[in-house]
Protein backbone atom coordinates (compact mmCIF):
# COMPACT_ATOMS: atom_id res chain seq x y z
CA MET A 1 -116.99 233.71 44.50
CA LYS A 2 -115.60 230.17 44.66
CA HIS A 3 -115.27 230.48 48.45
CA THR A 4 -118.83 231.75 48.75
CA ASP A 5 -120.16 228.88 46.67
CA LYS A 6 -118.13 226.43 48.77
CA HIS A 7 -119.70 227.64 51.99
CA CYS A 8 -123.20 228.31 50.69
CA GLY A 9 -123.84 226.71 47.31
CA ALA A 10 -125.89 223.66 46.54
CA GLY A 11 -122.74 221.54 46.41
CA ALA A 12 -121.51 222.60 49.83
CA VAL A 13 -120.76 219.54 51.96
CA THR A 14 -119.78 221.26 55.19
CA PRO A 15 -121.10 224.82 55.42
CA PHE A 16 -119.18 227.28 57.62
CA PRO A 17 -121.59 230.14 58.41
CA THR A 18 -118.93 232.37 59.97
CA MET A 19 -116.72 232.04 56.92
CA LEU A 20 -119.67 232.70 54.62
CA ARG A 21 -120.41 236.03 56.28
CA GLN A 22 -116.72 236.96 56.07
CA TRP A 23 -116.53 236.16 52.37
CA LEU A 24 -119.75 238.03 51.62
CA ALA A 25 -118.42 241.05 53.51
CA ARG A 26 -115.23 240.81 51.43
CA ILE A 27 -117.28 240.69 48.22
CA ALA A 28 -119.27 243.75 49.34
CA ALA A 29 -116.05 245.67 49.98
CA LEU A 30 -114.62 244.72 46.58
CA LEU A 31 -117.80 245.62 44.72
CA ASP A 32 -118.16 248.97 46.46
CA ASP A 33 -121.02 250.59 44.48
CA SER A 34 -120.79 248.26 41.49
CA PRO A 35 -123.72 245.95 40.57
CA ALA A 36 -123.68 242.40 41.91
CA PRO A 37 -122.22 239.89 39.42
CA ALA A 38 -124.57 237.33 37.87
CA GLU A 39 -122.93 234.44 39.77
CA LEU A 40 -123.63 236.13 43.10
CA LEU A 41 -127.25 236.87 42.19
CA GLU A 42 -127.73 233.25 41.11
CA LEU A 43 -126.36 232.08 44.46
CA TRP A 44 -128.62 234.51 46.32
CA ASN A 45 -131.69 233.40 44.36
CA SER A 46 -130.97 229.82 45.40
CA LYS A 47 -130.53 230.82 49.04
CA GLN A 48 -133.63 233.04 48.91
CA ALA A 49 -135.70 230.03 47.83
CA GLU A 50 -134.38 228.10 50.84
CA ILE A 51 -135.19 230.99 53.17
CA ARG A 52 -138.72 231.26 51.76
CA ALA A 53 -139.20 227.55 52.37
CA MET A 54 -138.11 228.10 56.01
CA LEU A 55 -140.63 230.95 56.33
CA SER A 56 -143.43 228.80 54.91
CA ARG A 57 -142.60 226.17 57.57
CA ASN A 58 -142.51 228.91 60.26
CA GLU A 59 -138.85 228.16 60.99
CA MET A 60 -138.24 231.79 61.95
CA ASP A 61 -134.98 231.37 63.85
CA ALA A 62 -133.39 229.44 60.98
CA ALA A 63 -134.65 231.95 58.41
CA LEU A 64 -133.39 234.96 60.35
CA ALA A 65 -130.03 233.27 60.91
CA ALA A 66 -129.67 232.57 57.17
CA ILE A 67 -130.64 236.16 56.31
CA SER A 68 -128.14 237.48 58.85
CA LEU A 69 -125.28 235.71 57.06
CA TRP A 70 -126.10 237.61 53.86
CA GLN A 71 -126.59 240.96 55.60
CA PRO A 72 -123.21 242.38 54.42
CA LEU A 73 -124.73 242.50 50.91
CA ALA A 74 -127.91 244.37 51.89
CA ASP A 75 -126.85 247.51 50.01
CA ILE A 76 -126.05 245.49 46.88
CA ILE A 77 -129.07 243.13 46.98
CA PRO A 78 -131.98 245.28 48.27
CA ALA A 79 -134.37 242.30 48.31
CA LEU A 80 -132.43 241.12 51.38
CA THR A 81 -133.92 243.96 53.40
CA ILE A 82 -137.43 243.03 52.31
CA ILE A 83 -137.18 239.32 53.03
CA ARG A 84 -135.69 240.20 56.43
CA ALA A 85 -138.68 242.47 57.08
CA GLU A 86 -141.01 239.66 56.01
CA ALA A 87 -139.34 237.27 58.46
CA LEU A 88 -139.51 239.83 61.26
CA ILE A 89 -143.17 240.64 60.69
CA LYS A 90 -144.02 236.94 60.77
CA ASN A 91 -142.01 236.82 63.99
CA ASN A 92 -144.17 239.57 65.55
CA GLY A 93 -141.87 242.46 64.68
CA SER A 94 -143.01 246.09 64.64
CA ARG A 95 -145.55 246.14 61.78
CA GLU A 96 -145.65 249.89 61.15
CA LEU A 97 -141.88 250.31 61.24
CA LEU A 98 -141.25 247.39 58.88
CA ILE A 99 -143.94 248.54 56.42
CA ARG A 100 -142.37 252.00 56.31
CA GLU A 101 -138.92 250.47 55.78
CA VAL A 102 -140.12 248.39 52.82
CA GLU A 103 -142.08 251.29 51.30
CA ASP A 104 -139.00 253.52 51.53
CA LEU A 105 -136.88 250.86 49.85
CA LEU A 106 -139.41 250.41 47.04
CA ALA A 107 -139.42 254.14 46.45
CA THR A 108 -135.69 254.07 45.68
CA ASP A 109 -136.27 251.87 42.61
CA PRO A 110 -140.01 251.59 41.91
CA GLU A 111 -139.62 249.71 38.61
CA ASN A 112 -137.33 246.97 39.99
CA SER A 113 -139.25 243.70 39.51
CA ASP A 114 -137.11 241.84 42.07
CA LEU A 115 -137.98 244.41 44.72
CA GLN A 116 -141.64 244.36 43.71
CA ALA A 117 -141.80 240.55 43.96
CA ALA A 118 -140.12 240.49 47.37
CA ALA A 119 -142.29 243.35 48.63
CA ALA A 120 -145.43 241.61 47.33
CA MET A 121 -145.00 238.66 49.68
CA PHE A 122 -144.03 241.01 52.52
CA PHE A 123 -147.22 243.06 52.20
CA ILE A 124 -149.36 239.91 51.94
CA HIS A 125 -147.87 238.63 55.19
CA ALA A 126 -148.19 242.10 56.72
CA GLY A 127 -151.96 241.97 56.26
CA LEU A 128 -152.09 244.16 53.15
CA PRO A 129 -153.05 241.56 50.51
CA ASP A 130 -154.41 244.02 47.93
CA LYS A 131 -151.13 245.93 47.87
CA GLY A 132 -149.17 242.68 47.76
CA VAL A 133 -151.16 241.22 44.87
CA SER A 134 -150.88 244.49 42.93
CA LEU A 135 -147.08 244.40 43.27
CA LEU A 136 -146.97 240.73 42.32
CA VAL A 137 -148.93 241.48 39.14
CA GLN A 138 -146.49 244.31 38.30
CA ALA A 139 -143.46 242.09 38.96
CA GLY A 140 -144.88 239.24 36.90
CA THR A 141 -145.60 241.58 34.00
CA LYS A 142 -141.95 242.64 33.92
CA SER A 143 -140.47 239.17 34.44
CA PRO A 144 -142.38 235.86 34.15
CA ARG A 145 -139.91 234.15 36.53
CA HIS A 146 -141.70 235.87 39.41
CA GLY A 147 -144.79 233.85 38.52
CA LEU A 148 -143.61 231.10 40.86
CA LEU A 149 -144.56 233.33 43.78
CA TRP A 150 -148.21 232.90 42.78
CA GLY A 151 -147.75 229.24 43.67
CA GLU A 152 -146.42 230.16 47.10
CA LEU A 153 -149.38 232.48 47.64
CA GLY A 154 -151.78 229.79 46.40
CA ASP A 155 -150.35 227.25 48.84
CA GLU A 156 -150.88 229.66 51.74
CA LEU A 157 -154.43 230.48 50.65
CA MET A 158 -155.30 226.81 50.22
CA ALA A 159 -153.90 226.00 53.68
CA ALA A 160 -156.10 228.80 55.06
CA GLY A 161 -159.15 227.30 53.33
CA ASP A 162 -159.62 230.15 50.82
CA LEU A 163 -159.89 227.75 47.88
CA GLN A 164 -161.28 230.10 45.24
CA SER A 165 -158.54 232.66 45.84
CA ALA A 166 -155.96 229.86 45.90
CA LEU A 167 -157.17 228.58 42.55
CA ALA A 168 -156.99 232.10 41.07
CA ALA A 169 -153.40 232.40 42.33
CA PHE A 170 -152.40 229.04 40.82
CA GLU A 171 -154.00 230.01 37.50
CA LYS A 172 -152.04 233.28 37.41
CA GLY A 173 -148.87 231.39 38.26
CA PHE A 174 -149.48 228.87 35.49
CA MET A 175 -150.10 231.64 32.96
CA ALA A 176 -146.72 233.13 33.91
CA GLN A 177 -144.92 229.76 34.13
CA PRO A 178 -146.75 227.31 31.80
CA GLN A 179 -143.85 224.85 32.02
CA CYS A 180 -144.24 224.54 35.80
CA HIS A 181 -145.99 221.19 36.27
CA ALA A 182 -145.99 221.64 40.07
CA MET A 183 -148.30 224.65 39.60
CA LEU A 184 -150.63 222.49 37.49
CA ARG A 185 -150.60 219.78 40.16
CA SER A 186 -151.52 222.36 42.80
CA MET A 187 -154.43 223.44 40.60
CA GLY A 188 -155.55 219.81 40.48
CA ASP A 189 -155.36 219.54 44.27
CA CYS A 190 -157.37 222.72 44.61
CA TYR A 191 -160.02 221.51 42.15
CA LEU A 192 -160.34 218.32 44.18
CA ARG A 193 -160.97 220.26 47.38
CA LEU A 194 -163.53 222.34 45.47
CA LYS A 195 -165.28 219.05 44.53
CA MET A 196 -164.56 219.52 40.82
CA PRO A 197 -163.18 216.06 39.95
CA GLU A 198 -163.25 216.44 36.15
CA ALA A 199 -161.27 219.68 36.30
CA ALA A 200 -158.85 218.00 38.70
CA ARG A 201 -158.46 215.04 36.32
CA ALA A 202 -157.69 217.41 33.42
CA ALA A 203 -155.05 219.19 35.51
CA TYR A 204 -153.35 215.96 36.61
CA GLU A 205 -153.37 214.61 33.05
CA ALA A 206 -151.76 217.86 31.89
CA VAL A 207 -149.10 217.39 34.58
CA LEU A 208 -148.28 213.93 33.24
CA ARG A 209 -148.02 215.24 29.69
CA GLN A 210 -145.33 217.59 30.95
CA ALA A 211 -143.74 215.27 33.49
CA PRO A 212 -144.70 211.61 32.83
CA GLY A 213 -142.92 210.45 35.96
CA ASP A 214 -144.79 212.72 38.40
CA VAL A 215 -145.72 210.28 41.18
CA GLN A 216 -148.14 212.62 42.98
CA ALA A 217 -150.18 213.28 39.84
CA LYS A 218 -150.33 209.55 39.04
CA SER A 219 -151.45 208.75 42.57
CA ALA A 220 -154.13 211.47 42.48
CA LEU A 221 -155.51 210.14 39.21
CA LEU A 222 -155.77 206.64 40.63
CA ARG A 223 -157.89 207.99 43.49
CA LEU A 224 -160.35 209.75 41.18
C-alpha cells in the first residue's frame, strides 16, 4: 500500500504510472478474492474524484488513461468498470453494449450503494436520466456520502440551462450533505440565474455561516 500511495496518493511528488499499475496488479494478486482494504478504497475514492473532474472537463484521454492504471483491480472494485463505461460512452463508445455491461454488473450486487451511485451517473450520461436519478436516490438513501453526486448532476444541468432541475438536484444534495457549503453556494448561483435574488442572498449567507472565509459567497453577496 505504501508504494501505491507513493505513486498515486495526494502526497505523490513524482507519479510513475507504469509502477502504479504494477503495484495495483500485485495488490490484486495478493488479495485474490478477499475484499479490498479500507486504505485501498480510500485511495480509489480520491482517484475517482479526480477522474470525475476530468470527465466533467471532457478530458477523455486523461480520464481513460487514469482508469486504465487501476484496471488490475476491476474485479475487486466493481465501480471501476462503471466509471470506465461512463468515460467510454462520453467518448462515443457503443451505447447498447456499455449499458448492458453496467446492467449486468449491477445485477451481481443490486444493493451495493457504491455501484448504484456510479451507475447513476453512467445512466444519466447514457441518456437514461430517469433510471440514473432513481439509482442516485437509492444510493443516497443507503449512504449520505453519495449526496455529493447531486451537486455534480446539478452543475451539469445548470450548464445545460435546465435551472429548475439543477436547483432540485442541489436541494437533494444539500439534504444529504447539509455540511457541504459548496452545495449551498451552487444553490445560490442557481437562484440568481432564476432571478430570485432574496433566495440567493439567503443561500450565500448560509454559506458564510458555515464557512466565513468563502470568497465566492462574499463576492456574490456584494453584487446583490
